[in-house]
Amino acid sequence: QVQLVESGGGLVQAGGALTLSCVASGTIFRFDVMGWYRQAPGKLRELVSSITSGGTTNYADSVKGRFTISGDPAKNTVHLQMNSLKPEVTAVYYCHRRWRDLDYWGKGTRVTVSS
């Protein structure tokens, strides 16, 4: 049973930084894609950033230049460095892993940015 466990969320003031981490256990296979989605109250879940096993990264336009994703396919880990945080990024952040046609999700970690 593949499980994703996130860590690193919390409360931070605007302009601050946080690093989210996620580790997938219960598998010996390297991820195809791992990344982060977020869901703010009353909104749909949206992609924040992702990284492929080959190192190709993708970012939502709203976070480009401020967030940096990194990952280790062999360890099934992914990290999201978030800088210059703004109140509008307040949401629950979910780790996502894809292997072949299988999608796995973490339970989420809350990020709150105060103004």
Protein backbone atom coordinates (compact mmCIF):
# COMPACT_ATOMS: atom_id res chain seq x y z
CA GLN A 1 0.00 0.00 0.00
CA VAL A 2 1.57 3.24 -1.15
CA GLN A 3 1.29 6.04 1.38
CA LEU A 4 2.31 9.68 1.03
CA VAL A 5 3.19 11.65 4.11
CA GLU A 6 3.57 15.42 3.97
CA SER A 7 5.32 17.70 6.41
CA GLY A 8 6.40 21.29 6.70
CA GLY A 9 3.16 23.22 6.65
CA GLY A 10 2.33 25.86 9.21
CA LEU A 11 1.66 29.50 9.90
CA VAL A 12 3.97 32.14 8.50
CA GLN A 13 3.83 35.88 7.98
CA ALA A 14 3.64 37.39 4.53
CA GLY A 15 7.08 37.56 2.97
CA GLY A 16 8.26 34.50 4.87
CA ALA A 17 9.23 31.07 3.63
CA LEU A 18 8.28 27.44 4.17
CA THR A 19 9.50 24.14 2.81
CA LEU A 20 7.06 21.30 2.25
CA SER A 21 8.31 17.73 2.10
CA CYS A 22 6.66 14.52 1.05
CA VAL A 23 7.83 10.93 1.17
CA ALA A 24 6.11 7.97 -0.42
CA SER A 25 6.42 4.61 1.28
CA GLY A 26 5.25 1.13 0.42
CA THR A 27 6.75 0.98 -3.07
CA ILE A 28 10.04 0.06 -4.70
CA PHE A 29 9.24 1.85 -7.94
CA ARG A 30 10.51 5.30 -8.77
CA PHE A 31 7.83 7.87 -9.36
CA ASP A 32 6.99 9.04 -12.84
CA VAL A 33 5.77 12.38 -11.52
CA MET A 34 5.53 13.84 -8.04
CA GLY A 35 4.26 17.21 -7.08
CA TRP A 36 2.03 19.47 -5.07
CA TYR A 37 -1.54 20.59 -5.45
CA ARG A 38 -3.42 22.99 -3.22
CA GLN A 39 -7.01 23.67 -2.35
CA ALA A 40 -8.14 26.91 -0.80
CA PRO A 41 -11.54 27.24 0.90
CA GLY A 42 -14.31 27.34 -1.67
CA LYS A 43 -11.96 26.64 -4.56
CA LEU A 44 -11.02 23.66 -6.67
CA ARG A 45 -7.81 21.78 -6.14
CA GLU A 46 -5.12 23.12 -8.44
CA LEU A 47 -1.62 22.16 -9.47
CA VAL A 48 1.14 24.14 -7.81
CA SER A 49 4.22 22.37 -9.10
CA SER A 50 5.43 18.99 -10.30
CA ILE A 51 8.62 17.22 -11.22
CA THR A 52 9.20 14.19 -13.40
CA SER A 53 11.66 11.39 -12.76
CA GLY A 54 13.82 12.97 -15.43
CA GLY A 55 13.90 16.27 -13.60
CA THR A 56 11.48 18.27 -15.74
CA THR A 57 9.64 20.78 -13.58
CA ASN A 58 6.34 22.54 -13.99
CA TYR A 59 4.95 25.50 -12.04
CA ALA A 60 1.69 27.35 -11.84
CA ASP A 61 2.15 30.85 -13.23
CA SER A 62 1.28 32.37 -9.87
CA VAL A 63 4.26 30.76 -8.13
CA LYS A 64 6.96 30.96 -10.79
CA GLY A 65 10.07 32.61 -9.45
CA ARG A 66 9.05 32.16 -5.83
CA PHE A 67 8.61 28.38 -5.44
CA THR A 68 11.18 25.71 -6.24
CA ILE A 69 10.45 22.01 -6.47
CA SER A 70 13.00 19.23 -6.09
CA GLY A 71 12.68 15.49 -5.94
CA ASP A 72 14.53 12.21 -5.69
CA PRO A 73 12.91 9.43 -7.70
CA ALA A 74 15.00 6.74 -6.02
CA LYS A 75 13.85 7.86 -2.59
CA ASN A 76 10.34 8.80 -3.69
CA THR A 77 10.62 12.20 -2.07
CA VAL A 78 9.63 15.66 -3.20
CA HIS A 79 10.21 19.06 -1.63
CA LEU A 80 8.71 22.45 -2.32
CA GLN A 81 10.63 25.52 -1.22
CA MET A 82 8.21 28.42 -0.99
CA ASN A 83 9.60 31.92 -0.69
CA SER A 84 8.09 35.40 -0.55
CA LEU A 85 4.83 33.94 0.63
CA LYS A 86 1.62 35.87 0.13
CA PRO A 87 -1.70 35.49 1.96
CA GLU A 88 -3.36 34.28 -1.21
CA VAL A 89 -1.37 31.03 -1.16
CA THR A 90 -3.14 30.00 2.05
CA ALA A 91 -4.53 26.53 1.40
CA VAL A 92 -4.19 22.86 2.16
CA TYR A 93 -1.31 21.48 0.14
CA TYR A 94 -1.51 17.91 -1.10
CA CYS A 95 1.36 15.74 -2.24
CA HIS A 96 0.70 13.76 -5.40
CA ARG A 97 2.54 10.83 -6.92
CA ARG A 98 1.96 9.18 -10.26
CA TRP A 99 3.39 5.86 -11.34
CA ARG A 100 2.20 4.53 -14.67
CA ASP A 101 -1.56 5.20 -14.57
CA LEU A 102 -1.84 5.15 -10.78
CA ASP A 103 -2.34 8.32 -8.76
CA TYR A 104 -1.67 8.61 -5.06
CA TRP A 105 -2.44 11.47 -2.70
CA GLY A 106 -1.33 12.54 0.71
CA LYS A 107 -3.76 13.73 3.36
CA GLY A 108 -2.60 17.31 3.04
CA THR A 109 -0.71 19.85 5.08
CA ARG A 110 -2.10 23.28 5.85
CA VAL A 111 -0.23 26.43 4.90
CA THR A 112 -1.47 29.70 6.33
CA VAL A 113 0.10 33.03 5.43
CA SER A 114 -0.92 35.96 7.57
CA SER A 115 -0.89 39.53 6.31
